[in-house]
Amino acid sequence: MNHEPASLTQQEWREIIAVPEVRETWGLDDDVTPEEFASRVYGAKFHFVSGGPGYIGDLYILQGDALTDAIPFSLKRNRSGKLEPAA
């Protein structure tokens, strides 16, 4: 079991900025690139393993470049493999 965060790939950043809730939260324009977004946001991926039932999947944590009272934004993959906000 590896609890260390992993870096996000360009493809993962591309998927992240396509999530409507991410676009709304950060007020992203239609022309924002993955590189631009990644330069403004801390992002990490965890291969999340729960104490039960076991392996859950990739968990993405995003935090803006300013520390506020807002909690970090979390994403996970749904059963079809698409990223969605984690509950």
PDB file of N, CA and C in Angstrom:
ATOM      1  N   MET A   1       0.840  -1.167   0.000  1.00  0.00           N
ATOM      2  CA  MET A   1       0.000   0.000   0.000  1.00  0.00           C
ATOM      3  C   MET A   1       0.894   1.243   0.000  1.00  0.00           C
ATOM      4  N   ASN A   2       0.686   2.132  -0.952  1.00  0.00           N
ATOM      5  CA  ASN A   2       1.487   3.342  -1.081  1.00  0.00           C
ATOM      6  C   ASN A   2       0.609   4.561  -0.785  1.00  0.00           C
ATOM      7  N   HIS A   3       0.919   5.268   0.288  1.00  0.00           N
ATOM      8  CA  HIS A   3       0.144   6.451   0.661  1.00  0.00           C
ATOM      9  C   HIS A   3       0.789   7.751   0.188  1.00  0.00           C
ATOM     10  N   GLU A   4       1.824   7.660  -0.615  1.00  0.00           N
ATOM     11  CA  GLU A   4       2.526   8.842  -1.104  1.00  0.00           C
ATOM     12  C   GLU A   4       1.768   9.462  -2.284  1.00  0.00           C
ATOM     13  N   PRO A   5       1.710  10.795  -2.352  1.00  0.00           N
ATOM     14  CA  PRO A   5       1.048  11.429  -3.497  1.00  0.00           C
ATOM     15  C   PRO A   5       1.861  11.257  -4.774  1.00  0.00           C
ATOM     16  N   ALA A   6       1.148  11.191  -5.880  1.00  0.00           N
ATOM     17  CA  ALA A   6       1.784  11.074  -7.198  1.00  0.00           C
ATOM     18  C   ALA A   6       1.512  12.352  -7.984  1.00  0.00           C
ATOM     19  N   SER A   7       2.413  12.688  -8.885  1.00  0.00           N
ATOM     20  CA  SER A   7       2.219  13.834  -9.768  1.00  0.00           C
ATOM     21  C   SER A   7       1.147  13.524 -10.799  1.00  0.00           C
ATOM     22  N   LEU A   8       0.490  14.568 -11.270  1.00  0.00           N
ATOM     23  CA  LEU A   8      -0.523  14.411 -12.296  1.00  0.00           C
ATOM     24  C   LEU A   8       0.101  14.548 -13.674  1.00  0.00           C
ATOM     25  N   THR A   9      -0.388  13.771 -14.611  1.00  0.00           N
ATOM     26  CA  THR A   9       0.065  13.853 -15.996  1.00  0.00           C
ATOM     27  C   THR A   9      -0.687  14.967 -16.721  1.00  0.00           C
ATOM     28  N   GLN A  10      -0.193  15.359 -17.882  1.00  0.00           N
ATOM     29  CA  GLN A  10      -0.891  16.359 -18.691  1.00  0.00           C
ATOM     30  C   GLN A  10      -2.298  15.873 -19.050  1.00  0.00           C
ATOM     31  N   GLN A  11      -2.427  14.593 -19.350  1.00  0.00           N
ATOM     32  CA  GLN A  11      -3.751  14.042 -19.677  1.00  0.00           C
ATOM     33  C   GLN A  11      -4.692  14.152 -18.483  1.00  0.00           C
ATOM     34  N   GLU A  12      -4.205  13.908 -17.288  1.00  0.00           N
ATOM     35  CA  GLU A  12      -5.052  14.019 -16.097  1.00  0.00           C
ATOM     36  C   GLU A  12      -5.469  15.469 -15.865  1.00  0.00           C
ATOM     37  N   TRP A  13      -4.530  16.423 -16.039  1.00  0.00           N
ATOM     38  CA  TRP A  13      -4.901  17.838 -15.919  1.00  0.00           C
ATOM     39  C   TRP A  13      -5.971  18.186 -16.956  1.00  0.00           C
ATOM     40  N   ARG A  14      -5.849  17.650 -18.156  1.00  0.00           N
ATOM     41  CA  ARG A  14      -6.833  17.893 -19.221  1.00  0.00           C
ATOM     42  C   ARG A  14      -8.207  17.361 -18.796  1.00  0.00           C
ATOM     43  N   GLU A  15      -8.225  16.173 -18.231  1.00  0.00           N
ATOM     44  CA  GLU A  15      -9.485  15.601 -17.751  1.00  0.00           C
ATOM     45  C   GLU A  15     -10.075  16.441 -16.619  1.00  0.00           C
ATOM     46  N   ILE A  16      -9.219  16.908 -15.724  1.00  0.00           N
ATOM     47  CA  ILE A  16      -9.670  17.687 -14.568  1.00  0.00           C
ATOM     48  C   ILE A  16     -10.337  18.982 -15.010  1.00  0.00           C
ATOM     49  N   ILE A  17      -9.726  19.695 -15.965  1.00  0.00           N
ATOM     50  CA  ILE A  17     -10.333  20.968 -16.373  1.00  0.00           C
ATOM     51  C   ILE A  17     -11.590  20.771 -17.216  1.00  0.00           C
ATOM     52  N   ALA A  18     -11.892  19.549 -17.593  1.00  0.00           N
ATOM     53  CA  ALA A  18     -13.128  19.262 -18.319  1.00  0.00           C
ATOM     54  C   ALA A  18     -14.301  18.997 -17.372  1.00  0.00           C
ATOM     55  N   VAL A  19     -14.035  18.823 -16.090  1.00  0.00           N
ATOM     56  CA  VAL A  19     -15.097  18.560 -15.103  1.00  0.00           C
ATOM     57  C   VAL A  19     -15.849  19.872 -14.852  1.00  0.00           C
ATOM     58  N   PRO A  20     -17.165  19.893 -15.093  1.00  0.00           N
ATOM     59  CA  PRO A  20     -17.926  21.142 -14.940  1.00  0.00           C
ATOM     60  C   PRO A  20     -17.771  21.801 -13.562  1.00  0.00           C
ATOM     61  N   GLU A  21     -17.743  21.031 -12.506  1.00  0.00           N
ATOM     62  CA  GLU A  21     -17.621  21.592 -11.165  1.00  0.00           C
ATOM     63  C   GLU A  21     -16.261  22.258 -10.952  1.00  0.00           C
ATOM     64  N   VAL A  22     -15.223  21.723 -11.577  1.00  0.00           N
ATOM     65  CA  VAL A  22     -13.892  22.344 -11.496  1.00  0.00           C
ATOM     66  C   VAL A  22     -13.914  23.660 -12.260  1.00  0.00           C
ATOM     67  N   ARG A  23     -14.495  23.650 -13.441  1.00  0.00           N
ATOM     68  CA  ARG A  23     -14.573  24.863 -14.259  1.00  0.00           C
ATOM     69  C   ARG A  23     -15.317  25.958 -13.500  1.00  0.00           C
ATOM     70  N   GLU A  24     -16.415  25.582 -12.846  1.00  0.00           N
ATOM     71  CA  GLU A  24     -17.212  26.554 -12.101  1.00  0.00           C
ATOM     72  C   GLU A  24     -16.466  27.056 -10.864  1.00  0.00           C
ATOM     73  N   THR A  25     -15.859  26.146 -10.118  1.00  0.00           N
ATOM     74  CA  THR A  25     -15.157  26.515  -8.891  1.00  0.00           C
ATOM     75  C   THR A  25     -14.035  27.503  -9.164  1.00  0.00           C
ATOM     76  N   TRP A  26     -13.281  27.279 -10.216  1.00  0.00           N
ATOM     77  CA  TRP A  26     -12.136  28.135 -10.532  1.00  0.00           C
ATOM     78  C   TRP A  26     -12.471  29.211 -11.572  1.00  0.00           C
ATOM     79  N   GLY A  27     -13.712  29.245 -12.066  1.00  0.00           N
ATOM     80  CA  GLY A  27     -14.105  30.248 -13.051  1.00  0.00           C
ATOM     81  C   GLY A  27     -13.274  30.178 -14.318  1.00  0.00           C
ATOM     82  N   LEU A  28     -13.085  28.970 -14.835  1.00  0.00           N
ATOM     83  CA  LEU A  28     -12.201  28.770 -15.992  1.00  0.00           C
ATOM     84  C   LEU A  28     -12.848  29.220 -17.292  1.00  0.00           C
ATOM     85  N   ASP A  29     -12.066  29.915 -18.109  1.00  0.00           N
ATOM     86  CA  ASP A  29     -12.481  30.288 -19.458  1.00  0.00           C
ATOM     87  C   ASP A  29     -12.379  29.059 -20.357  1.00  0.00           C
ATOM     88  N   ASP A  30     -13.061  29.129 -21.495  1.00  0.00           N
ATOM     89  CA  ASP A  30     -13.032  28.014 -22.447  1.00  0.00           C
ATOM     90  C   ASP A  30     -11.645  27.761 -23.015  1.00  0.00           C
ATOM     91  N   ASP A  31     -10.780  28.776 -23.012  1.00  0.00           N
ATOM     92  CA  ASP A  31      -9.470  28.614 -23.633  1.00  0.00           C
ATOM     93  C   ASP A  31      -8.340  28.309 -22.644  1.00  0.00           C
ATOM     94  N   VAL A  32      -8.665  28.006 -21.389  1.00  0.00           N
ATOM     95  CA  VAL A  32      -7.613  27.682 -20.416  1.00  0.00           C
ATOM     96  C   VAL A  32      -6.952  26.359 -20.813  1.00  0.00           C
ATOM     97  N   THR A  33      -5.648  26.309 -20.678  1.00  0.00           N
ATOM     98  CA  THR A  33      -4.913  25.085 -21.008  1.00  0.00           C
ATOM     99  C   THR A  33      -4.611  24.317 -19.726  1.00  0.00           C
ATOM    100  N   PRO A  34      -4.333  23.022 -19.854  1.00  0.00           N
ATOM    101  CA  PRO A  34      -3.939  22.258 -18.672  1.00  0.00           C
ATOM    102  C   PRO A  34      -2.709  22.853 -17.981  1.00  0.00           C
ATOM    103  N   GLU A  35      -1.766  23.344 -18.768  1.00  0.00           N
ATOM    104  CA  GLU A  35      -0.548  23.926 -18.198  1.00  0.00           C
ATOM    105  C   GLU A  35      -0.857  25.190 -17.391  1.00  0.00           C
ATOM    106  N   GLU A  36      -1.751  26.029 -17.907  1.00  0.00           N
ATOM    107  CA  GLU A  36      -2.134  27.248 -17.188  1.00  0.00           C
ATOM    108  C   GLU A  36      -2.817  26.910 -15.868  1.00  0.00           C
ATOM    109  N   PHE A  37      -3.744  25.970 -15.918  1.00  0.00           N
ATOM    110  CA  PHE A  37      -4.455  25.585 -14.702  1.00  0.00           C
ATOM    111  C   PHE A  37      -3.491  24.976 -13.685  1.00  0.00           C
ATOM    112  N   ALA A  38      -2.619  24.093 -14.143  1.00  0.00           N
ATOM    113  CA  ALA A  38      -1.660  23.441 -13.245  1.00  0.00           C
ATOM    114  C   ALA A  38      -0.716  24.444 -12.595  1.00  0.00           C
ATOM    115  N   SER A  39      -0.476  25.572 -13.247  1.00  0.00           N
ATOM    116  CA  SER A  39       0.409  26.582 -12.665  1.00  0.00           C
ATOM    117  C   SER A  39      -0.274  27.377 -11.552  1.00  0.00           C
ATOM    118  N   ARG A  40      -1.605  27.258 -11.435  1.00  0.00           N
ATOM    119  CA  ARG A  40      -2.373  27.997 -10.428  1.00  0.00           C
ATOM    120  C   ARG A  40      -2.920  27.123  -9.312  1.00  0.00           C
ATOM    121  N   VAL A  41      -2.752  25.812  -9.438  1.00  0.00           N
ATOM    122  CA  VAL A  41      -3.399  24.878  -8.513  1.00  0.00           C
ATOM    123  C   VAL A  41      -2.409  23.803  -8.084  1.00  0.00           C
ATOM    124  N   TYR A  42      -2.426  23.466  -6.810  1.00  0.00           N
ATOM    125  CA  TYR A  42      -1.677  22.300  -6.338  1.00  0.00           C
ATOM    126  C   TYR A  42      -2.540  21.084  -6.612  1.00  0.00           C
ATOM    127  N   GLY A  43      -1.952  20.055  -7.167  1.00  0.00           N
ATOM    128  CA  GLY A  43      -2.694  18.839  -7.457  1.00  0.00           C
ATOM    129  C   GLY A  43      -1.878  17.616  -7.125  1.00  0.00           C
ATOM    130  N   ALA A  44      -2.545  16.622  -6.567  1.00  0.00           N
ATOM    131  CA  ALA A  44      -1.890  15.356  -6.257  1.00  0.00           C
ATOM    132  C   ALA A  44      -2.877  14.220  -6.498  1.00  0.00           C
ATOM    133  N   LYS A  45      -2.325  13.068  -6.809  1.00  0.00           N
ATOM    134  CA  LYS A  45      -3.137  11.872  -7.028  1.00  0.00           C
ATOM    135  C   LYS A  45      -2.701  10.824  -6.021  1.00  0.00           C
ATOM    136  N   PHE A  46      -3.676  10.151  -5.461  1.00  0.00           N
ATOM    137  CA  PHE A  46      -3.413   9.059  -4.533  1.00  0.00           C
ATOM    138  C   PHE A  46      -4.074   7.798  -5.078  1.00  0.00           C
ATOM    139  N   HIS A  47      -3.398   6.683  -4.949  1.00  0.00           N
ATOM    140  CA  HIS A  47      -3.998   5.393  -5.276  1.00  0.00           C
ATOM    141  C   HIS A  47      -4.688   4.954  -3.988  1.00  0.00           C
ATOM    142  N   PHE A  48      -5.958   5.340  -3.873  1.00  0.00           N
ATOM    143  CA  PHE A  48      -6.677   5.246  -2.606  1.00  0.00           C
ATOM    144  C   PHE A  48      -7.098   3.823  -2.286  1.00  0.00           C
ATOM    145  N   VAL A  49      -6.715   3.395  -1.108  1.00  0.00           N
ATOM    146  CA  VAL A  49      -7.090   2.074  -0.599  1.00  0.00           C
ATOM    147  C   VAL A  49      -7.791   2.289   0.725  1.00  0.00           C
ATOM    148  N   SER A  50      -9.017   1.833   0.799  1.00  0.00           N
ATOM    149  CA  SER A  50      -9.821   1.971   2.010  1.00  0.00           C
ATOM    150  C   SER A  50      -9.564   0.787   2.931  1.00  0.00           C
ATOM    151  N   GLY A  51      -9.750   1.003   4.223  1.00  0.00           N
ATOM    152  CA  GLY A  51      -9.641  -0.106   5.165  1.00  0.00           C
ATOM    153  C   GLY A  51     -10.681  -1.180   4.876  1.00  0.00           C
ATOM    154  N   GLY A  52     -11.703  -0.858   4.191  1.00  0.00           N
ATOM    155  CA  GLY A  52     -12.738  -1.784   3.754  1.00  0.00           C
ATOM    156  C   GLY A  52     -13.638  -1.027   2.811  1.00  0.00           C
ATOM    157  N   PRO A  53     -13.833  -1.413   1.641  1.00  0.00           N
ATOM    158  CA  PRO A  53     -13.699  -2.729   1.052  1.00  0.00           C
ATOM    159  C   PRO A  53     -12.359  -2.996   0.380  1.00  0.00           C
ATOM    160  N   GLY A  54     -11.436  -2.077   0.371  1.00  0.00           N
ATOM    161  CA  GLY A  54     -10.153  -2.314  -0.291  1.00  0.00           C
ATOM    162  C   GLY A  54      -9.838  -1.209  -1.270  1.00  0.00           C
ATOM    163  N   TYR A  55      -9.283  -1.588  -2.441  1.00  0.00           N
ATOM    164  CA  TYR A  55      -8.877  -0.588  -3.428  1.00  0.00           C
ATOM    165  C   TYR A  55     -10.096   0.150  -3.951  1.00  0.00           C
ATOM    166  N   ILE A  56     -10.053   1.450  -3.887  1.00  0.00           N
ATOM    167  CA  ILE A  56     -11.145   2.287  -4.379  1.00  0.00           C
ATOM    168  C   ILE A  56     -10.820   2.830  -5.758  1.00  0.00           C
ATOM    169  N   GLY A  57      -9.594   3.317  -5.937  1.00  0.00           N
ATOM    170  CA  GLY A  57      -9.176   3.899  -7.212  1.00  0.00           C
ATOM    171  C   GLY A  57      -8.410   5.175  -6.986  1.00  0.00           C
ATOM    172  N   ASP A  58      -8.160   5.888  -8.060  1.00  0.00           N
ATOM    173  CA  ASP A  58      -7.410   7.130  -7.966  1.00  0.00           C
ATOM    174  C   ASP A  58      -8.265   8.218  -7.333  1.00  0.00           C
ATOM    175  N   LEU A  59      -7.650   8.947  -6.413  1.00  0.00           N
ATOM    176  CA  LEU A  59      -8.275  10.084  -5.746  1.00  0.00           C
ATOM    177  C   LEU A  59      -7.413  11.300  -6.036  1.00  0.00           C
ATOM    178  N   TYR A  60      -8.013  12.346  -6.570  1.00  0.00           N
ATOM    179  CA  TYR A  60      -7.308  13.574  -6.922  1.00  0.00           C
ATOM    180  C   TYR A  60      -7.690  14.662  -5.928  1.00  0.00           C
ATOM    181  N   ILE A  61      -6.691  15.356  -5.406  1.00  0.00           N
ATOM    182  CA  ILE A  61      -6.903  16.457  -4.473  1.00  0.00           C
ATOM    183  C   ILE A  61      -6.353  17.727  -5.110  1.00  0.00           C
ATOM    184  N   LEU A  62      -7.181  18.770  -5.169  1.00  0.00           N
ATOM    185  CA  LEU A  62      -6.782  20.049  -5.744  1.00  0.00           C
ATOM    186  C   LEU A  62      -6.905  21.142  -4.692  1.00  0.00           C
ATOM    187  N   GLN A  63      -5.936  22.021  -4.643  1.00  0.00           N
ATOM    188  CA  GLN A  63      -5.962  23.163  -3.741  1.00  0.00           C
ATOM    189  C   GLN A  63      -5.475  24.375  -4.513  1.00  0.00           C
ATOM    190  N   GLY A  64      -6.220  25.455  -4.458  1.00  0.00           N
ATOM    191  CA  GLY A  64      -5.807  26.687  -5.126  1.00  0.00           C
ATOM    192  C   GLY A  64      -4.515  27.224  -4.534  1.00  0.00           C
ATOM    193  N   ASP A  65      -3.975  28.258  -5.168  1.00  0.00           N
ATOM    194  CA  ASP A  65      -2.691  28.799  -4.728  1.00  0.00           C
ATOM    195  C   ASP A  65      -2.814  29.777  -3.564  1.00  0.00           C
ATOM    196  N   ALA A  66      -4.003  29.889  -2.974  1.00  0.00           N
ATOM    197  CA  ALA A  66      -4.193  30.703  -1.772  1.00  0.00           C
ATOM    198  C   ALA A  66      -4.865  29.833  -0.716  1.00  0.00           C
ATOM    199  N   LEU A  67      -4.346  29.857   0.492  1.00  0.00           N
ATOM    200  CA  LEU A  67      -4.966  29.084   1.563  1.00  0.00           C
ATOM    201  C   LEU A  67      -6.108  29.891   2.162  1.00  0.00           C
ATOM    202  N   THR A  68      -7.284  29.324   2.073  1.00  0.00           N
ATOM    203  CA  THR A  68      -8.487  29.954   2.619  1.00  0.00           C
ATOM    204  C   THR A  68      -9.184  28.933   3.499  1.00  0.00           C
ATOM    205  N   ASP A  69     -10.362  29.270   3.950  1.00  0.00           N
ATOM    206  CA  ASP A  69     -11.141  28.320   4.745  1.00  0.00           C
ATOM    207  C   ASP A  69     -11.802  27.249   3.877  1.00  0.00           C
ATOM    208  N   ALA A  70     -11.718  27.410   2.557  1.00  0.00           N
ATOM    209  CA  ALA A  70     -12.306  26.423   1.652  1.00  0.00           C
ATOM    210  C   ALA A  70     -11.516  25.119   1.718  1.00  0.00           C
ATOM    211  N   ILE A  71     -12.249  24.017   1.785  1.00  0.00           N
ATOM    212  CA  ILE A  71     -11.582  22.717   1.826  1.00  0.00           C
ATOM    213  C   ILE A  71     -11.030  22.380   0.443  1.00  0.00           C
ATOM    214  N   PRO A  72      -9.996  21.542   0.375  1.00  0.00           N
ATOM    215  CA  PRO A  72      -9.481  21.136  -0.940  1.00  0.00           C
ATOM    216  C   PRO A  72     -10.570  20.443  -1.759  1.00  0.00           C
ATOM    217  N   PHE A  73     -10.472  20.558  -3.058  1.00  0.00           N
ATOM    218  CA  PHE A  73     -11.419  19.956  -3.991  1.00  0.00           C
ATOM    219  C   PHE A  73     -10.959  18.533  -4.279  1.00  0.00           C
ATOM    220  N   SER A  74     -11.856  17.572  -4.177  1.00  0.00           N
ATOM    221  CA  SER A  74     -11.515  16.161  -4.387  1.00  0.00           C
ATOM    222  C   SER A  74     -12.274  15.600  -5.578  1.00  0.00           C
ATOM    223  N   LEU A  75     -11.587  14.782  -6.355  1.00  0.00           N
ATOM    224  CA  LEU A  75     -12.188  14.096  -7.501  1.00  0.00           C
ATOM    225  C   LEU A  75     -11.871  12.616  -7.423  1.00  0.00           C
ATOM    226  N   LYS A  76     -12.767  11.807  -7.962  1.00  0.00           N
ATOM    227  CA  LYS A  76     -12.532  10.364  -8.077  1.00  0.00           C
ATOM    228  C   LYS A  76     -13.102   9.905  -9.403  1.00  0.00           C
ATOM    229  N   ARG A  77     -12.729   8.726  -9.797  1.00  0.00           N
ATOM    230  CA  ARG A  77     -13.275   8.148 -11.029  1.00  0.00           C
ATOM    231  C   ARG A  77     -14.539   7.362 -10.702  1.00  0.00           C
ATOM    232  N   ASN A  78     -15.577   7.575 -11.519  1.00  0.00           N
ATOM    233  CA  ASN A  78     -16.793   6.789 -11.322  1.00  0.00           C
ATOM    234  C   ASN A  78     -16.629   5.423 -11.985  1.00  0.00           C
ATOM    235  N   ARG A  79     -17.640   4.617 -11.959  1.00  0.00           N
ATOM    236  CA  ARG A  79     -17.533   3.249 -12.488  1.00  0.00           C
ATOM    237  C   ARG A  79     -17.255   3.207 -13.982  1.00  0.00           C
ATOM    238  N   SER A  80     -17.626   4.267 -14.689  1.00  0.00           N
ATOM    239  CA  SER A  80     -17.358   4.303 -16.133  1.00  0.00           C
ATOM    240  C   SER A  80     -15.985   4.901 -16.443  1.00  0.00           C
ATOM    241  N   GLY A  81     -15.228   5.310 -15.399  1.00  0.00           N
ATOM    242  CA  GLY A  81     -13.886   5.826 -15.601  1.00  0.00           C
ATOM    243  C   GLY A  81     -13.805   7.332 -15.751  1.00  0.00           C
ATOM    244  N   LYS A  82     -14.926   8.024 -15.637  1.00  0.00           N
ATOM    245  CA  LYS A  82     -14.965   9.473 -15.784  1.00  0.00           C
ATOM    246  C   LYS A  82     -14.732  10.140 -14.429  1.00  0.00           C
ATOM    247  N   LEU A  83     -13.985  11.259 -14.427  1.00  0.00           N
ATOM    248  CA  LEU A  83     -13.737  11.985 -13.188  1.00  0.00           C
ATOM    249  C   LEU A  83     -14.998  12.711 -12.742  1.00  0.00           C
ATOM    250  N   GLU A  84     -15.232  12.690 -11.417  1.00  0.00           N
ATOM    251  CA  GLU A  84     -16.358  13.400 -10.827  1.00  0.00           C
ATOM    252  C   GLU A  84     -15.965  13.849  -9.423  1.00  0.00           C
ATOM    253  N   PRO A  85     -16.654  14.866  -8.893  1.00  0.00           N
ATOM    254  CA  PRO A  85     -16.337  15.279  -7.522  1.00  0.00           C
ATOM    255  C   PRO A  85     -16.557  14.117  -6.557  1.00  0.00           C
ATOM    256  N   ALA A  86     -15.637  13.997  -5.597  1.00  0.00           N
ATOM    257  CA  ALA A  86     -15.779  12.963  -4.562  1.00  0.00           C
ATOM    258  C   ALA A  86     -16.768  13.475  -3.520  1.00  0.00           C
ATOM    259  N   ALA A  87     -17.570  12.596  -3.020  1.00  0.00           N
ATOM    260  CA  ALA A  87     -18.585  12.990  -2.024  1.00  0.00           C
ATOM    261  C   ALA A  87     -17.983  13.291  -0.689  1.00  0.00           C
TER     262      ALA A  87
END
